[in-house]
Amino acid sequence: MIMVVIVMAVALHLIETLRANRVWCQMFLLRRDEMERRIGVVHSGKFRSMGALVLLCLCLGAMAQSQGRDNAGAATISTPVPPPEQRVDINHASLTELLKVPGLTRSWAERIVRFRPYRSKQDLFDKGVVSSQVYDRIKDFVIAHRDKE
């Protein structure tokens, strides 16, 4: 969306620049009214150029603010990924242990407990226990062991 606005602003500026030059008008078959020249196309062209520049700065600022976000617009998780031996086992963890996983709510944790056992953590998504967004948030923090008592 932002790129479309930028391209449109640049295109408008380019057309106005072409219309201000008599030779370029004839080359690109653009209509150049004598009345526009008398009123002051040069002055209005400067204002349009400044407007396009302000719009470009606003768009670049908005893009810089959204760089730390994922596709859904939520801030990305900055919690470091634990080593495999410290991850939560979805086959044997209690509800309280599952709630310590970043991005996992009580209702999702209850569903994980209800649909046990799992062969792998991918089963959470494959069996429809959690949505793809929830799985993407928790996949680095969980593991599925089957041989534990």
N, C-alpha and C. Protein backbone atom coordinates (compact mmCIF):
# COMPACT_ATOMS: atom_id res chain seq x y z
N MET A 1 0.82 -1.19 0.00
CA MET A 1 0.00 0.00 0.00
C MET A 1 0.87 1.26 0.00
N ILE A 2 1.87 1.24 0.85
CA ILE A 2 2.75 2.41 0.95
C ILE A 2 3.50 2.61 -0.36
N MET A 3 3.94 1.51 -0.94
CA MET A 3 4.68 1.61 -2.20
C MET A 3 3.79 2.18 -3.31
N VAL A 4 2.53 1.84 -3.32
CA VAL A 4 1.61 2.37 -4.33
C VAL A 4 1.49 3.88 -4.19
N VAL A 5 1.37 4.36 -2.96
CA VAL A 5 1.26 5.80 -2.73
C VAL A 5 2.53 6.51 -3.19
N ILE A 6 3.67 5.92 -2.88
CA ILE A 6 4.94 6.53 -3.28
C ILE A 6 5.05 6.60 -4.80
N VAL A 7 4.72 5.51 -5.47
CA VAL A 7 4.80 5.48 -6.94
C VAL A 7 3.85 6.50 -7.55
N MET A 8 2.65 6.63 -6.97
CA MET A 8 1.70 7.61 -7.49
C MET A 8 2.22 9.04 -7.30
N ALA A 9 2.81 9.30 -6.15
CA ALA A 9 3.34 10.65 -5.90
C ALA A 9 4.48 10.98 -6.85
N VAL A 10 5.36 10.03 -7.09
CA VAL A 10 6.48 10.25 -8.01
C VAL A 10 5.96 10.44 -9.43
N ALA A 11 4.95 9.65 -9.82
CA ALA A 11 4.39 9.78 -11.17
C ALA A 11 3.74 11.15 -11.37
N LEU A 12 3.00 11.63 -10.37
CA LEU A 12 2.40 12.96 -10.48
C LEU A 12 3.46 14.04 -10.60
N HIS A 13 4.51 13.91 -9.82
CA HIS A 13 5.59 14.89 -9.89
C HIS A 13 6.25 14.86 -11.26
N LEU A 14 6.47 13.68 -11.80
CA LEU A 14 7.09 13.56 -13.12
C LEU A 14 6.22 14.17 -14.20
N ILE A 15 4.93 13.94 -14.15
CA ILE A 15 4.02 14.51 -15.16
C ILE A 15 4.02 16.02 -15.08
N GLU A 16 3.99 16.57 -13.87
CA GLU A 16 4.01 18.03 -13.73
C GLU A 16 5.33 18.62 -14.24
N THR A 17 6.42 17.92 -13.99
CA THR A 17 7.71 18.38 -14.48
C THR A 17 7.73 18.37 -16.01
N LEU A 18 7.18 17.33 -16.61
CA LEU A 18 7.13 17.24 -18.08
C LEU A 18 6.25 18.33 -18.67
N ARG A 19 5.14 18.64 -18.00
CA ARG A 19 4.23 19.66 -18.53
C ARG A 19 4.85 21.06 -18.47
N ALA A 20 5.79 21.27 -17.56
CA ALA A 20 6.41 22.59 -17.42
C ALA A 20 7.42 22.86 -18.54
N ASN A 21 7.89 21.83 -19.21
CA ASN A 21 8.90 21.98 -20.25
C ASN A 21 8.22 21.84 -21.62
N ARG A 22 8.34 22.86 -22.47
CA ARG A 22 7.65 22.88 -23.75
C ARG A 22 8.11 21.75 -24.69
N VAL A 23 9.40 21.48 -24.74
CA VAL A 23 9.93 20.45 -25.64
C VAL A 23 9.44 19.08 -25.20
N TRP A 24 9.50 18.84 -23.92
CA TRP A 24 9.06 17.52 -23.42
C TRP A 24 7.56 17.34 -23.60
N CYS A 25 6.81 18.43 -23.49
CA CYS A 25 5.36 18.35 -23.73
C CYS A 25 5.08 17.87 -25.14
N GLN A 26 5.82 18.42 -26.09
CA GLN A 26 5.60 18.04 -27.47
C GLN A 26 6.06 16.60 -27.72
N MET A 27 7.14 16.18 -27.06
CA MET A 27 7.63 14.82 -27.25
C MET A 27 6.62 13.79 -26.71
N PHE A 28 6.03 14.07 -25.56
CA PHE A 28 5.12 13.11 -24.94
C PHE A 28 3.65 13.43 -25.19
N LEU A 29 3.40 14.40 -26.08
CA LEU A 29 2.04 14.79 -26.48
C LEU A 29 1.18 15.19 -25.29
N LEU A 30 1.77 15.90 -24.35
CA LEU A 30 1.01 16.40 -23.21
C LEU A 30 0.44 17.76 -23.54
N ARG A 31 -0.74 18.08 -23.04
CA ARG A 31 -1.39 19.35 -23.30
C ARG A 31 -0.84 20.40 -22.35
N ARG A 32 -0.44 21.51 -22.92
CA ARG A 32 0.11 22.59 -22.10
C ARG A 32 -0.73 23.83 -22.34
N ASP A 33 -1.51 24.18 -21.36
CA ASP A 33 -2.38 25.35 -21.50
C ASP A 33 -1.59 26.61 -21.24
N GLU A 34 -1.83 27.61 -22.06
CA GLU A 34 -1.17 28.90 -21.89
C GLU A 34 -1.63 29.56 -20.59
N MET A 35 -2.87 29.30 -20.22
CA MET A 35 -3.40 29.89 -19.00
C MET A 35 -2.66 29.36 -17.77
N GLU A 36 -2.34 28.06 -17.74
CA GLU A 36 -1.61 27.48 -16.61
C GLU A 36 -0.25 28.12 -16.48
N ARG A 37 0.39 28.39 -17.59
CA ARG A 37 1.71 29.02 -17.54
C ARG A 37 1.62 30.43 -16.96
N ARG A 38 0.56 31.14 -17.31
CA ARG A 38 0.39 32.51 -16.81
C ARG A 38 0.10 32.51 -15.30
N ILE A 39 -0.71 31.56 -14.85
CA ILE A 39 -1.08 31.52 -13.43
C ILE A 39 0.12 31.17 -12.57
N GLY A 40 0.97 30.33 -13.07
CA GLY A 40 2.16 30.02 -12.30
C GLY A 40 2.35 28.53 -12.05
N VAL A 41 2.56 27.79 -13.11
CA VAL A 41 2.81 26.37 -12.98
C VAL A 41 4.10 26.13 -12.20
N VAL A 42 5.04 27.02 -12.34
CA VAL A 42 6.33 26.87 -11.67
C VAL A 42 6.13 26.86 -10.16
N HIS A 43 5.30 27.80 -9.66
CA HIS A 43 5.07 27.87 -8.22
C HIS A 43 4.29 26.66 -7.71
N SER A 44 3.26 26.26 -8.45
CA SER A 44 2.48 25.11 -8.00
C SER A 44 3.30 23.83 -8.11
N GLY A 45 4.22 23.77 -9.07
CA GLY A 45 5.09 22.61 -9.19
C GLY A 45 6.00 22.47 -7.99
N LYS A 46 6.47 23.60 -7.44
CA LYS A 46 7.31 23.55 -6.25
C LYS A 46 6.52 23.02 -5.06
N PHE A 47 5.27 23.47 -4.93
CA PHE A 47 4.45 22.99 -3.82
C PHE A 47 4.14 21.50 -3.95
N ARG A 48 3.90 21.06 -5.16
CA ARG A 48 3.65 19.62 -5.36
C ARG A 48 4.90 18.81 -5.07
N SER A 49 6.06 19.33 -5.45
CA SER A 49 7.31 18.63 -5.16
C SER A 49 7.53 18.52 -3.66
N MET A 50 7.26 19.60 -2.95
CA MET A 50 7.41 19.57 -1.50
C MET A 50 6.40 18.61 -0.87
N GLY A 51 5.18 18.60 -1.39
CA GLY A 51 4.18 17.68 -0.88
C GLY A 51 4.57 16.23 -1.11
N ALA A 52 5.12 15.94 -2.29
CA ALA A 52 5.57 14.58 -2.58
C ALA A 52 6.72 14.19 -1.66
N LEU A 53 7.60 15.13 -1.37
CA LEU A 53 8.73 14.86 -0.47
C LEU A 53 8.24 14.59 0.96
N VAL A 54 7.28 15.37 1.43
CA VAL A 54 6.71 15.14 2.76
C VAL A 54 6.02 13.79 2.83
N LEU A 55 5.27 13.44 1.80
CA LEU A 55 4.60 12.15 1.75
C LEU A 55 5.61 11.00 1.76
N LEU A 56 6.70 11.16 1.02
CA LEU A 56 7.75 10.15 1.01
C LEU A 56 8.36 9.98 2.39
N CYS A 57 8.63 11.08 3.08
CA CYS A 57 9.21 11.00 4.43
C CYS A 57 8.25 10.32 5.40
N LEU A 58 6.96 10.62 5.31
CA LEU A 58 5.98 9.97 6.18
C LEU A 58 5.92 8.47 5.93
N CYS A 59 5.95 8.07 4.67
CA CYS A 59 5.90 6.64 4.33
C CYS A 59 7.15 5.92 4.83
N LEU A 60 8.31 6.54 4.67
CA LEU A 60 9.54 5.92 5.15
C LEU A 60 9.54 5.79 6.67
N GLY A 61 9.00 6.79 7.36
CA GLY A 61 8.89 6.71 8.82
C GLY A 61 7.96 5.60 9.25
N ALA A 62 6.85 5.41 8.56
CA ALA A 62 5.92 4.34 8.89
C ALA A 62 6.54 2.97 8.64
N MET A 63 7.33 2.85 7.57
CA MET A 63 7.99 1.57 7.29
C MET A 63 9.03 1.26 8.35
N ALA A 64 9.74 2.26 8.84
CA ALA A 64 10.76 2.04 9.86
C ALA A 64 10.12 1.59 11.17
N GLN A 65 8.94 2.08 11.50
CA GLN A 65 8.27 1.69 12.73
C GLN A 65 7.75 0.27 12.67
N SER A 66 7.42 -0.22 11.49
CA SER A 66 6.82 -1.55 11.38
C SER A 66 7.83 -2.66 11.15
N GLN A 67 9.13 -2.36 11.18
CA GLN A 67 10.13 -3.38 10.90
C GLN A 67 10.24 -4.41 12.02
N GLY A 68 9.93 -4.07 13.26
CA GLY A 68 10.04 -5.01 14.37
C GLY A 68 8.77 -5.79 14.60
N ARG A 69 7.94 -5.94 13.60
CA ARG A 69 6.66 -6.63 13.77
C ARG A 69 6.57 -7.80 12.79
N ASP A 70 5.75 -8.79 13.16
CA ASP A 70 5.56 -9.94 12.28
C ASP A 70 4.44 -9.63 11.29
N ASN A 71 4.01 -10.62 10.51
CA ASN A 71 3.00 -10.41 9.48
C ASN A 71 1.65 -10.00 10.04
N ALA A 72 1.32 -10.44 11.25
CA ALA A 72 0.04 -10.11 11.84
C ALA A 72 0.04 -8.73 12.47
N GLY A 73 1.19 -8.06 12.54
CA GLY A 73 1.26 -6.75 13.13
C GLY A 73 1.63 -6.76 14.60
N ALA A 74 1.78 -7.94 15.19
CA ALA A 74 2.16 -8.03 16.59
C ALA A 74 3.67 -7.94 16.71
N ALA A 75 4.10 -7.42 17.85
CA ALA A 75 5.54 -7.30 18.07
C ALA A 75 6.16 -8.70 18.13
N THR A 76 7.34 -8.83 17.58
CA THR A 76 8.00 -10.14 17.58
C THR A 76 8.48 -10.48 18.98
N ILE A 77 8.54 -11.77 19.28
CA ILE A 77 8.94 -12.24 20.60
C ILE A 77 10.45 -12.06 20.73
N SER A 78 10.86 -11.39 21.80
CA SER A 78 12.27 -11.15 22.00
C SER A 78 12.86 -12.09 23.05
N THR A 79 12.08 -13.07 23.51
CA THR A 79 12.55 -14.03 24.49
C THR A 79 13.54 -14.97 23.82
N PRO A 80 14.71 -15.18 24.44
CA PRO A 80 15.68 -16.09 23.82
C PRO A 80 15.16 -17.53 23.83
N VAL A 81 15.51 -18.28 22.80
CA VAL A 81 15.07 -19.66 22.68
C VAL A 81 15.90 -20.53 23.62
N PRO A 82 15.23 -21.30 24.48
CA PRO A 82 15.98 -22.13 25.43
C PRO A 82 16.61 -23.34 24.73
N PRO A 83 17.64 -23.93 25.32
CA PRO A 83 18.21 -25.15 24.75
C PRO A 83 17.20 -26.29 24.87
N PRO A 84 17.36 -27.36 24.06
CA PRO A 84 16.37 -28.46 24.05
C PRO A 84 16.08 -29.07 25.41
N GLU A 85 17.07 -29.15 26.30
CA GLU A 85 16.82 -29.78 27.60
C GLU A 85 15.99 -28.90 28.53
N GLN A 86 15.82 -27.62 28.22
CA GLN A 86 15.01 -26.73 29.04
C GLN A 86 13.64 -26.43 28.43
N ARG A 87 13.34 -27.02 27.31
CA ARG A 87 12.04 -26.79 26.68
C ARG A 87 10.97 -27.59 27.41
N VAL A 88 9.73 -27.15 27.27
CA VAL A 88 8.60 -27.78 27.95
C VAL A 88 8.13 -28.98 27.14
N ASP A 89 7.99 -30.12 27.81
CA ASP A 89 7.54 -31.35 27.17
C ASP A 89 6.01 -31.34 27.11
N ILE A 90 5.45 -31.32 25.91
CA ILE A 90 3.99 -31.23 25.77
C ILE A 90 3.27 -32.51 26.14
N ASN A 91 3.99 -33.63 26.22
CA ASN A 91 3.35 -34.89 26.61
C ASN A 91 3.26 -35.08 28.12
N HIS A 92 4.12 -34.41 28.89
CA HIS A 92 4.17 -34.67 30.32
C HIS A 92 4.07 -33.43 31.19
N ALA A 93 4.09 -32.25 30.62
CA ALA A 93 4.06 -31.01 31.40
C ALA A 93 2.67 -30.78 31.98
N SER A 94 2.66 -30.20 33.18
CA SER A 94 1.39 -29.83 33.79
C SER A 94 0.87 -28.55 33.13
N LEU A 95 -0.36 -28.20 33.46
CA LEU A 95 -0.96 -26.99 32.91
C LEU A 95 -0.15 -25.76 33.32
N THR A 96 0.32 -25.74 34.55
CA THR A 96 1.13 -24.62 35.05
C THR A 96 2.43 -24.49 34.27
N GLU A 97 3.07 -25.60 33.97
CA GLU A 97 4.32 -25.56 33.20
C GLU A 97 4.07 -25.08 31.77
N LEU A 98 2.95 -25.51 31.19
CA LEU A 98 2.63 -25.08 29.83
C LEU A 98 2.34 -23.58 29.77
N LEU A 99 1.77 -23.03 30.84
CA LEU A 99 1.46 -21.60 30.85
C LEU A 99 2.71 -20.74 30.91
N LYS A 100 3.86 -21.32 31.23
CA LYS A 100 5.11 -20.57 31.26
C LYS A 100 5.69 -20.38 29.86
N VAL A 101 5.16 -21.08 28.88
CA VAL A 101 5.61 -20.94 27.49
C VAL A 101 5.14 -19.59 26.95
N PRO A 102 6.04 -18.76 26.45
CA PRO A 102 5.64 -17.46 25.90
C PRO A 102 4.67 -17.61 24.73
N GLY A 103 3.57 -16.87 24.76
CA GLY A 103 2.59 -16.89 23.68
C GLY A 103 1.53 -17.95 23.81
N LEU A 104 1.50 -18.69 24.93
CA LEU A 104 0.52 -19.75 25.12
C LEU A 104 -0.49 -19.32 26.18
N THR A 105 -1.76 -19.29 25.82
CA THR A 105 -2.81 -18.90 26.77
C THR A 105 -3.35 -20.12 27.49
N ARG A 106 -4.17 -19.89 28.49
CA ARG A 106 -4.73 -20.98 29.29
C ARG A 106 -5.58 -21.92 28.43
N SER A 107 -6.40 -21.37 27.55
CA SER A 107 -7.27 -22.23 26.73
C SER A 107 -6.45 -23.11 25.77
N TRP A 108 -5.38 -22.55 25.19
CA TRP A 108 -4.54 -23.36 24.31
C TRP A 108 -3.81 -24.43 25.11
N ALA A 109 -3.34 -24.10 26.31
CA ALA A 109 -2.65 -25.08 27.15
C ALA A 109 -3.60 -26.21 27.55
N GLU A 110 -4.84 -25.89 27.85
CA GLU A 110 -5.83 -26.93 28.19
C GLU A 110 -6.08 -27.85 27.00
N ARG A 111 -6.12 -27.30 25.79
CA ARG A 111 -6.30 -28.14 24.60
C ARG A 111 -5.11 -29.07 24.40
N ILE A 112 -3.90 -28.57 24.66
CA ILE A 112 -2.71 -29.41 24.52
C ILE A 112 -2.79 -30.58 25.48
N VAL A 113 -3.20 -30.33 26.73
CA VAL A 113 -3.31 -31.41 27.73
C VAL A 113 -4.42 -32.39 27.32
N ARG A 114 -5.52 -31.90 26.83
CA ARG A 114 -6.68 -32.74 26.49
C ARG A 114 -6.39 -33.72 25.35
N PHE A 115 -5.60 -33.33 24.36
CA PHE A 115 -5.39 -34.16 23.18
C PHE A 115 -4.08 -34.94 23.19
N ARG A 116 -3.51 -35.19 24.35
CA ARG A 116 -2.28 -35.97 24.44
C ARG A 116 -2.53 -37.41 24.07
N PRO A 117 -1.57 -38.18 23.68
CA PRO A 117 -0.14 -37.96 23.49
C PRO A 117 0.17 -37.47 22.07
N TYR A 118 1.39 -36.96 21.92
CA TYR A 118 1.88 -36.44 20.64
C TYR A 118 3.17 -37.16 20.27
N ARG A 119 3.31 -37.50 18.99
CA ARG A 119 4.57 -38.10 18.52
C ARG A 119 5.65 -37.05 18.36
N SER A 120 5.26 -35.86 17.91
CA SER A 120 6.19 -34.74 17.74
C SER A 120 5.43 -33.45 18.01
N LYS A 121 6.15 -32.38 18.16
CA LYS A 121 5.47 -31.10 18.41
C LYS A 121 4.68 -30.64 17.19
N GLN A 122 5.03 -31.12 16.02
CA GLN A 122 4.29 -30.79 14.81
C GLN A 122 2.86 -31.33 14.86
N ASP A 123 2.63 -32.38 15.68
CA ASP A 123 1.28 -32.92 15.85
C ASP A 123 0.31 -31.87 16.39
N LEU A 124 0.80 -30.91 17.14
CA LEU A 124 -0.07 -29.85 17.66
C LEU A 124 -0.80 -29.15 16.51
N PHE A 125 -0.08 -28.87 15.46
CA PHE A 125 -0.68 -28.20 14.31
C PHE A 125 -1.40 -29.19 13.40
N ASP A 126 -0.77 -30.36 13.17
CA ASP A 126 -1.35 -31.34 12.25
C ASP A 126 -2.70 -31.87 12.72
N LYS A 127 -2.87 -32.05 14.03
CA LYS A 127 -4.13 -32.55 14.58
C LYS A 127 -5.14 -31.43 14.85
N GLY A 128 -4.75 -30.20 14.62
CA GLY A 128 -5.66 -29.08 14.82
C GLY A 128 -5.82 -28.67 16.28
N VAL A 129 -4.86 -29.02 17.11
CA VAL A 129 -4.94 -28.66 18.53
C VAL A 129 -4.72 -27.16 18.69
N VAL A 130 -3.76 -26.60 17.96
CA VAL A 130 -3.51 -25.16 17.99
C VAL A 130 -3.52 -24.62 16.56
N SER A 131 -3.72 -23.33 16.43
CA SER A 131 -3.72 -22.71 15.10
C SER A 131 -2.28 -22.52 14.62
N SER A 132 -2.13 -22.17 13.37
CA SER A 132 -0.79 -21.99 12.82
C SER A 132 -0.06 -20.83 13.49
N GLN A 133 -0.80 -19.76 13.83
CA GLN A 133 -0.15 -18.63 14.49
C GLN A 133 0.36 -19.02 15.88
N VAL A 134 -0.44 -19.76 16.62
CA VAL A 134 -0.03 -20.18 17.96
C VAL A 134 1.16 -21.13 17.84
N TYR A 135 1.10 -22.05 16.89
CA TYR A 135 2.21 -22.99 16.71
C TYR A 135 3.50 -22.25 16.38
N ASP A 136 3.42 -21.25 15.52
CA ASP A 136 4.62 -20.48 15.18
C ASP A 136 5.20 -19.76 16.39
N ARG A 137 4.33 -19.33 17.32
CA ARG A 137 4.80 -18.64 18.52
C ARG A 137 5.47 -19.59 19.52
N ILE A 138 4.98 -20.83 19.62
CA ILE A 138 5.46 -21.72 20.69
C ILE A 138 6.41 -22.81 20.24
N LYS A 139 6.59 -23.00 18.95
CA LYS A 139 7.34 -24.16 18.46
C LYS A 139 8.78 -24.22 18.95
N ASP A 140 9.39 -23.07 19.23
CA ASP A 140 10.77 -23.08 19.70
C ASP A 140 10.88 -23.33 21.20
N PHE A 141 9.76 -23.35 21.91
CA PHE A 141 9.78 -23.48 23.36
C PHE A 141 9.25 -24.82 23.86
N VAL A 142 8.76 -25.67 22.94
CA VAL A 142 8.20 -26.96 23.35
C VAL A 142 8.92 -28.11 22.65
N ILE A 143 8.75 -29.29 23.23
CA ILE A 143 9.31 -30.51 22.68
C ILE A 143 8.37 -31.66 23.05
N ALA A 144 8.42 -32.74 22.31
CA ALA A 144 7.53 -33.87 22.60
C ALA A 144 8.36 -35.12 22.84
N HIS A 145 8.50 -35.52 24.12
CA HIS A 145 9.17 -36.78 24.48
C HIS A 145 8.10 -37.81 24.77
N ARG A 146 8.33 -39.05 24.32
CA ARG A 146 7.33 -40.09 24.56
C ARG A 146 7.80 -41.10 25.60
N ASP A 147 9.09 -41.18 25.88
CA ASP A 147 9.60 -42.22 26.74
C ASP A 147 9.67 -41.85 28.22
N LYS A 148 9.25 -40.67 28.59
CA LYS A 148 9.27 -40.23 29.98
C LYS A 148 8.12 -40.86 30.73
N GLU A 149 8.32 -41.14 32.05
CA GLU A 149 7.22 -41.74 32.82
C GLU A 149 6.12 -40.75 33.06
